[in-house]
């Protein structure tokens, strides 16, 4: 599992002073970076080979802008051409959100999914989400 620490910005808060609900998908995407590197080590968008097909976020507690946030990221399931990433957000030792994102190994030239190669499959499986 990967951990990413984010320092919330004041601009990420809403009128109530909480982290805005639109921010979590962006933080979750940022925390998936180590998984993106399994497919595209140099992160060159011209070589990109994955696409998001589904994303869910569940909010479990309020978050403030002052304290650091830790995003825990791992793989929940690996299929033939897709995989599901599990993520949880923690602030002050309390889970504040959790989510999952389904990604597909994708060929942008043919606009079709591609099977995961054995090396990438093994690499994904080495980072389970708990």
N, C-alpha and C. Protein backbone atom coordinates (compact mmCIF):
# COMPACT_ATOMS: atom_id res chain seq x y z
N UNK A 1 0.84 -1.17 0.00
CA UNK A 1 0.00 0.00 0.00
C UNK A 1 0.90 1.24 0.00
N UNK A 2 0.44 2.27 -0.69
CA UNK A 2 1.16 3.53 -0.77
C UNK A 2 0.50 4.54 0.16
N UNK A 3 1.30 5.47 0.69
CA UNK A 3 0.76 6.56 1.50
C UNK A 3 1.26 7.88 0.94
N UNK A 4 0.34 8.82 0.79
CA UNK A 4 0.65 10.14 0.28
C UNK A 4 0.16 11.16 1.29
N UNK A 5 1.03 12.06 1.72
CA UNK A 5 0.65 13.11 2.67
C UNK A 5 0.37 14.39 1.89
N UNK A 6 -0.77 14.99 2.19
CA UNK A 6 -1.20 16.22 1.54
C UNK A 6 -1.46 17.27 2.62
N UNK A 7 -0.97 18.46 2.39
CA UNK A 7 -1.30 19.58 3.27
C UNK A 7 -2.43 20.36 2.62
N UNK A 8 -3.62 20.33 3.21
CA UNK A 8 -4.75 21.03 2.61
C UNK A 8 -4.49 22.54 2.51
N UNK A 9 -5.01 23.11 1.44
CA UNK A 9 -4.90 24.56 1.25
C UNK A 9 -6.19 25.26 1.63
N UNK A 10 -6.07 26.51 2.02
CA UNK A 10 -7.25 27.29 2.38
C UNK A 10 -8.24 27.34 1.21
N UNK A 11 -7.72 27.41 -0.02
CA UNK A 11 -8.57 27.47 -1.22
C UNK A 11 -9.37 26.18 -1.43
N UNK A 12 -9.04 25.11 -0.70
CA UNK A 12 -9.77 23.85 -0.83
C UNK A 12 -10.93 23.73 0.15
N UNK A 13 -11.18 24.80 0.90
CA UNK A 13 -12.28 24.77 1.87
C UNK A 13 -13.55 25.37 1.26
N UNK A 14 -14.67 25.07 1.91
CA UNK A 14 -15.95 25.63 1.48
C UNK A 14 -16.39 26.72 2.46
N UNK A 15 -17.60 27.22 2.29
CA UNK A 15 -18.11 28.31 3.12
C UNK A 15 -18.20 27.93 4.60
N UNK A 16 -18.26 26.63 4.90
CA UNK A 16 -18.34 26.17 6.29
C UNK A 16 -16.97 25.94 6.91
N UNK A 17 -15.91 26.11 6.11
CA UNK A 17 -14.56 25.91 6.61
C UNK A 17 -14.06 24.47 6.52
N UNK A 18 -14.84 23.60 5.88
CA UNK A 18 -14.45 22.20 5.70
C UNK A 18 -13.78 22.04 4.35
N UNK A 19 -13.03 20.96 4.21
CA UNK A 19 -12.50 20.62 2.89
C UNK A 19 -13.69 20.33 1.99
N UNK A 20 -13.73 20.96 0.83
CA UNK A 20 -14.86 20.83 -0.09
C UNK A 20 -14.93 19.41 -0.65
N UNK A 21 -16.14 18.93 -0.87
CA UNK A 21 -16.32 17.56 -1.35
C UNK A 21 -15.76 17.34 -2.75
N UNK A 22 -15.53 18.39 -3.52
CA UNK A 22 -14.96 18.23 -4.86
C UNK A 22 -13.45 18.00 -4.82
N UNK A 23 -12.83 18.20 -3.66
CA UNK A 23 -11.37 18.09 -3.53
C UNK A 23 -10.92 16.63 -3.45
N UNK A 24 -11.71 15.78 -2.80
CA UNK A 24 -11.28 14.39 -2.59
C UNK A 24 -10.96 13.64 -3.88
N UNK A 25 -11.78 13.74 -4.93
CA UNK A 25 -11.39 13.04 -6.16
C UNK A 25 -10.03 13.50 -6.69
N UNK A 26 -9.71 14.78 -6.52
CA UNK A 26 -8.40 15.27 -6.98
C UNK A 26 -7.28 14.72 -6.11
N UNK A 27 -7.49 14.69 -4.79
CA UNK A 27 -6.47 14.13 -3.90
C UNK A 27 -6.28 12.65 -4.18
N UNK A 28 -7.38 11.93 -4.39
CA UNK A 28 -7.27 10.50 -4.68
C UNK A 28 -6.51 10.27 -5.99
N UNK A 29 -6.77 11.10 -6.99
CA UNK A 29 -6.06 10.96 -8.27
C UNK A 29 -4.57 11.20 -8.06
N UNK A 30 -4.22 12.22 -7.30
CA UNK A 30 -2.82 12.53 -7.03
C UNK A 30 -2.14 11.35 -6.32
N UNK A 31 -2.86 10.71 -5.41
CA UNK A 31 -2.29 9.60 -4.64
C UNK A 31 -2.18 8.31 -5.46
N UNK A 32 -2.81 8.25 -6.62
CA UNK A 32 -2.66 7.08 -7.50
C UNK A 32 -1.40 7.14 -8.36
N UNK A 33 -0.63 8.20 -8.23
CA UNK A 33 0.59 8.38 -9.02
C UNK A 33 1.51 7.17 -9.02
N UNK A 34 1.81 6.55 -7.87
CA UNK A 34 2.69 5.38 -7.90
C UNK A 34 2.13 4.23 -8.76
N UNK A 35 0.82 4.08 -8.79
CA UNK A 35 0.22 3.05 -9.65
C UNK A 35 0.31 3.44 -11.12
N UNK A 36 0.15 4.72 -11.43
CA UNK A 36 0.29 5.19 -12.81
C UNK A 36 1.69 4.87 -13.33
N UNK A 37 2.69 4.99 -12.44
CA UNK A 37 4.07 4.76 -12.86
C UNK A 37 4.34 3.29 -13.20
N UNK A 38 3.49 2.38 -12.73
CA UNK A 38 3.65 0.98 -13.11
C UNK A 38 3.36 0.80 -14.61
N UNK A 39 2.52 1.66 -15.15
CA UNK A 39 2.17 1.60 -16.57
C UNK A 39 3.02 2.53 -17.42
N UNK A 40 3.30 3.71 -16.88
CA UNK A 40 4.05 4.73 -17.61
C UNK A 40 5.08 5.33 -16.65
N UNK A 41 6.26 4.69 -16.53
CA UNK A 41 7.26 5.13 -15.54
C UNK A 41 7.65 6.61 -15.64
N UNK A 42 7.70 7.16 -16.85
CA UNK A 42 8.08 8.56 -16.99
C UNK A 42 6.87 9.51 -17.01
N UNK A 43 5.67 8.93 -16.87
CA UNK A 43 4.40 9.69 -16.83
C UNK A 43 4.15 10.52 -18.08
N UNK A 44 4.76 10.13 -19.19
CA UNK A 44 4.55 10.84 -20.47
C UNK A 44 3.12 10.59 -20.95
N UNK A 45 2.29 11.63 -21.06
CA UNK A 45 0.90 11.43 -21.47
C UNK A 45 0.75 10.80 -22.86
N UNK A 46 1.78 10.93 -23.70
CA UNK A 46 1.71 10.32 -25.04
C UNK A 46 1.81 8.80 -24.98
N UNK A 47 2.27 8.28 -23.83
CA UNK A 47 2.40 6.83 -23.65
C UNK A 47 1.33 6.28 -22.71
N UNK A 48 0.40 7.12 -22.29
CA UNK A 48 -0.60 6.74 -21.27
C UNK A 48 -1.40 5.53 -21.72
N UNK A 49 -1.66 4.61 -20.78
CA UNK A 49 -2.32 3.36 -21.16
C UNK A 49 -3.40 2.94 -20.16
N UNK A 50 -3.94 3.88 -19.41
CA UNK A 50 -5.05 3.54 -18.52
C UNK A 50 -6.11 4.64 -18.59
N UNK A 51 -7.33 4.25 -18.26
CA UNK A 51 -8.45 5.19 -18.29
C UNK A 51 -9.37 4.88 -17.12
N UNK A 52 -9.95 5.91 -16.53
CA UNK A 52 -10.90 5.74 -15.43
C UNK A 52 -12.27 5.42 -16.01
N UNK A 53 -12.92 4.38 -15.45
CA UNK A 53 -14.28 4.05 -15.90
C UNK A 53 -15.31 4.19 -14.78
N UNK A 54 -14.85 4.24 -13.53
CA UNK A 54 -15.79 4.39 -12.42
C UNK A 54 -15.05 4.92 -11.21
N UNK A 55 -15.72 5.84 -10.46
CA UNK A 55 -15.14 6.37 -9.24
C UNK A 55 -16.24 6.57 -8.21
N UNK A 56 -15.96 6.15 -6.98
CA UNK A 56 -16.89 6.35 -5.87
C UNK A 56 -16.13 6.94 -4.70
N UNK A 57 -16.77 7.88 -4.01
CA UNK A 57 -16.18 8.48 -2.81
C UNK A 57 -17.26 8.52 -1.73
N UNK A 58 -16.91 8.04 -0.55
CA UNK A 58 -17.81 8.07 0.60
C UNK A 58 -17.14 8.91 1.68
N UNK A 59 -17.86 9.91 2.17
CA UNK A 59 -17.34 10.79 3.20
C UNK A 59 -17.76 10.25 4.56
N UNK A 60 -16.80 10.10 5.48
CA UNK A 60 -17.10 9.50 6.78
C UNK A 60 -16.89 10.46 7.94
N UNK A 61 -16.24 11.60 7.71
CA UNK A 61 -16.04 12.61 8.75
C UNK A 61 -15.65 13.93 8.08
N UNK A 62 -15.83 15.02 8.80
CA UNK A 62 -15.45 16.33 8.28
C UNK A 62 -13.93 16.49 8.34
N UNK A 63 -13.41 17.29 7.42
CA UNK A 63 -11.98 17.58 7.39
C UNK A 63 -11.77 19.08 7.45
N UNK A 64 -10.67 19.50 8.08
CA UNK A 64 -10.35 20.92 8.12
C UNK A 64 -9.10 21.20 7.29
N UNK A 65 -8.81 22.46 7.14
CA UNK A 65 -7.68 22.82 6.27
C UNK A 65 -6.36 22.89 7.01
N UNK A 66 -6.34 22.88 8.30
CA UNK A 66 -5.10 23.10 9.03
C UNK A 66 -4.21 21.85 9.09
N UNK A 67 -4.80 20.68 9.31
CA UNK A 67 -4.03 19.47 9.57
C UNK A 67 -3.76 18.65 8.32
N UNK A 68 -2.58 18.05 8.27
CA UNK A 68 -2.18 17.21 7.14
C UNK A 68 -3.13 16.03 6.99
N UNK A 69 -3.23 15.57 5.77
CA UNK A 69 -4.09 14.44 5.40
C UNK A 69 -3.20 13.35 4.81
N UNK A 70 -3.48 12.11 5.15
CA UNK A 70 -2.77 10.97 4.56
C UNK A 70 -3.75 10.17 3.73
N UNK A 71 -3.38 9.93 2.48
CA UNK A 71 -4.17 9.11 1.58
C UNK A 71 -3.48 7.76 1.47
N UNK A 72 -4.21 6.69 1.81
CA UNK A 72 -3.70 5.33 1.68
C UNK A 72 -4.28 4.74 0.41
N UNK A 73 -3.42 4.17 -0.43
CA UNK A 73 -3.81 3.69 -1.74
C UNK A 73 -3.29 2.28 -1.97
N UNK A 74 -4.16 1.40 -2.46
CA UNK A 74 -3.75 0.04 -2.79
C UNK A 74 -4.72 -0.55 -3.80
N UNK A 75 -4.45 -1.77 -4.19
CA UNK A 75 -5.25 -2.44 -5.21
C UNK A 75 -6.18 -3.44 -4.54
N UNK A 76 -7.48 -3.30 -4.83
CA UNK A 76 -8.50 -4.18 -4.25
C UNK A 76 -8.74 -5.42 -5.11
N UNK A 77 -8.63 -5.26 -6.43
CA UNK A 77 -8.95 -6.37 -7.34
C UNK A 77 -8.23 -6.16 -8.66
N UNK A 78 -7.74 -7.24 -9.23
CA UNK A 78 -7.12 -7.19 -10.55
C UNK A 78 -7.88 -8.15 -11.46
N UNK A 79 -8.38 -7.61 -12.57
CA UNK A 79 -9.10 -8.42 -13.55
C UNK A 79 -8.25 -8.68 -14.77
N UNK A 80 -8.88 -9.00 -15.89
CA UNK A 80 -8.17 -9.29 -17.13
C UNK A 80 -7.55 -8.02 -17.73
N UNK A 81 -8.36 -6.97 -17.84
CA UNK A 81 -7.85 -5.71 -18.40
C UNK A 81 -8.10 -4.53 -17.46
N UNK A 82 -8.71 -4.78 -16.32
CA UNK A 82 -9.02 -3.70 -15.40
C UNK A 82 -8.53 -4.02 -13.99
N UNK A 83 -8.53 -3.00 -13.16
CA UNK A 83 -8.19 -3.19 -11.75
C UNK A 83 -8.92 -2.12 -10.95
N UNK A 84 -9.18 -2.45 -9.68
CA UNK A 84 -9.89 -1.54 -8.79
C UNK A 84 -8.92 -1.07 -7.71
N UNK A 85 -8.82 0.25 -7.59
CA UNK A 85 -7.96 0.87 -6.59
C UNK A 85 -8.82 1.26 -5.40
N UNK A 86 -8.39 0.88 -4.21
CA UNK A 86 -9.04 1.30 -2.97
C UNK A 86 -8.23 2.42 -2.35
N UNK A 87 -8.92 3.41 -1.79
CA UNK A 87 -8.23 4.52 -1.15
C UNK A 87 -8.99 4.96 0.10
N UNK A 88 -8.23 5.43 1.07
CA UNK A 88 -8.84 6.00 2.26
C UNK A 88 -8.08 7.26 2.64
N UNK A 89 -8.81 8.20 3.21
CA UNK A 89 -8.26 9.49 3.60
C UNK A 89 -8.30 9.57 5.12
N UNK A 90 -7.19 9.99 5.72
CA UNK A 90 -7.07 10.06 7.18
C UNK A 90 -6.59 11.43 7.59
N UNK A 91 -7.20 11.97 8.66
CA UNK A 91 -6.75 13.22 9.24
C UNK A 91 -6.87 13.09 10.76
N UNK A 92 -5.80 13.38 11.45
CA UNK A 92 -5.77 13.26 12.92
C UNK A 92 -6.17 11.85 13.38
N UNK A 93 -5.58 10.83 12.73
CA UNK A 93 -5.81 9.42 13.08
C UNK A 93 -7.27 8.99 12.95
N UNK A 94 -8.00 9.64 12.09
CA UNK A 94 -9.41 9.32 11.88
C UNK A 94 -9.69 9.23 10.37
N UNK A 95 -10.35 8.15 9.97
CA UNK A 95 -10.71 8.04 8.56
C UNK A 95 -11.80 9.07 8.24
N UNK A 96 -11.57 9.86 7.21
CA UNK A 96 -12.52 10.92 6.84
C UNK A 96 -13.22 10.64 5.51
N UNK A 97 -12.65 9.75 4.71
CA UNK A 97 -13.27 9.39 3.43
C UNK A 97 -12.65 8.10 2.94
N UNK A 98 -13.41 7.42 2.10
CA UNK A 98 -12.88 6.22 1.44
C UNK A 98 -13.46 6.18 0.04
N UNK A 99 -12.78 5.49 -0.83
CA UNK A 99 -13.27 5.43 -2.19
C UNK A 99 -12.65 4.30 -2.98
N UNK A 100 -13.20 4.11 -4.15
CA UNK A 100 -12.63 3.13 -5.08
C UNK A 100 -12.74 3.68 -6.49
N UNK A 101 -11.77 3.31 -7.29
CA UNK A 101 -11.71 3.75 -8.69
C UNK A 101 -11.39 2.53 -9.54
N UNK A 102 -12.18 2.32 -10.58
CA UNK A 102 -11.92 1.25 -11.53
C UNK A 102 -11.20 1.85 -12.72
N UNK A 103 -10.05 1.26 -13.02
CA UNK A 103 -9.24 1.70 -14.16
C UNK A 103 -9.09 0.55 -15.15
N UNK A 104 -8.99 0.90 -16.41
CA UNK A 104 -8.85 -0.09 -17.47
C UNK A 104 -7.56 0.17 -18.23
N UNK A 105 -6.83 -0.91 -18.50
CA UNK A 105 -5.65 -0.83 -19.37
C UNK A 105 -6.19 -0.56 -20.77
N UNK A 106 -5.81 0.57 -21.36
CA UNK A 106 -6.52 1.09 -22.53
C UNK A 106 -5.57 1.54 -23.61
N UNK A 107 -5.92 1.22 -24.86
CA UNK A 107 -5.16 1.67 -26.03
C UNK A 107 -5.93 2.84 -26.64
N UNK A 108 -5.37 4.02 -26.52
CA UNK A 108 -6.05 5.22 -27.02
C UNK A 108 -6.10 5.28 -28.54
N UNK A 109 -5.19 4.60 -29.23
CA UNK A 109 -5.22 4.58 -30.70
C UNK A 109 -6.37 3.74 -31.23
N UNK A 110 -6.57 2.57 -30.64
CA UNK A 110 -7.66 1.70 -31.10
C UNK A 110 -8.95 1.93 -30.34
N UNK A 111 -8.86 2.69 -29.22
CA UNK A 111 -10.02 2.96 -28.37
C UNK A 111 -10.61 1.68 -27.79
N UNK A 112 -9.72 0.75 -27.43
CA UNK A 112 -10.15 -0.53 -26.86
C UNK A 112 -9.30 -0.89 -25.64
N UNK A 113 -9.90 -1.68 -24.77
CA UNK A 113 -9.16 -2.17 -23.62
C UNK A 113 -8.12 -3.20 -24.07
N UNK A 114 -7.11 -3.38 -23.24
CA UNK A 114 -6.06 -4.35 -23.52
C UNK A 114 -5.86 -5.21 -22.28
N UNK A 115 -5.55 -6.49 -22.45
CA UNK A 115 -5.26 -7.33 -21.28
C UNK A 115 -4.03 -6.79 -20.54
N UNK A 116 -4.04 -6.95 -19.23
CA UNK A 116 -2.86 -6.60 -18.43
C UNK A 116 -1.77 -7.62 -18.69
N UNK A 117 -0.54 -7.15 -18.90
CA UNK A 117 0.55 -8.11 -19.09
C UNK A 117 0.93 -8.70 -17.73
N UNK A 118 1.53 -9.89 -17.70
CA UNK A 118 1.85 -10.56 -16.44
C UNK A 118 2.73 -9.73 -15.49
N UNK A 119 3.67 -8.97 -16.02
CA UNK A 119 4.55 -8.17 -15.17
C UNK A 119 3.77 -7.08 -14.45
N UNK A 120 2.90 -6.39 -15.18
CA UNK A 120 2.09 -5.33 -14.57
C UNK A 120 1.10 -5.92 -13.58
N UNK A 121 0.50 -7.04 -13.92
CA UNK A 121 -0.44 -7.71 -13.02
C UNK A 121 0.24 -8.04 -11.69
N UNK A 122 1.43 -8.61 -11.76
CA UNK A 122 2.19 -8.96 -10.56
C UNK A 122 2.52 -7.71 -9.75
N UNK A 123 2.92 -6.63 -10.44
CA UNK A 123 3.26 -5.38 -9.75
C UNK A 123 2.03 -4.82 -9.03
N UNK A 124 0.87 -4.87 -9.66
CA UNK A 124 -0.36 -4.39 -9.02
C UNK A 124 -0.70 -5.22 -7.79
N UNK A 125 -0.56 -6.52 -7.92
CA UNK A 125 -0.90 -7.44 -6.83
C UNK A 125 0.01 -7.28 -5.61
N UNK A 126 1.17 -6.66 -5.80
CA UNK A 126 2.11 -6.45 -4.70
C UNK A 126 1.75 -5.26 -3.81
N UNK A 127 0.64 -4.57 -4.16
CA UNK A 127 0.22 -3.40 -3.40
C UNK A 127 -1.25 -3.52 -3.00
N UNK A 128 -1.59 -4.53 -2.18
CA UNK A 128 -3.00 -4.72 -1.81
C UNK A 128 -3.52 -3.61 -0.91
N UNK A 129 -4.81 -3.34 -1.03
CA UNK A 129 -5.48 -2.36 -0.17
C UNK A 129 -6.04 -3.08 1.03
N UNK A 130 -5.75 -2.57 2.22
CA UNK A 130 -6.26 -3.18 3.46
C UNK A 130 -7.29 -2.28 4.08
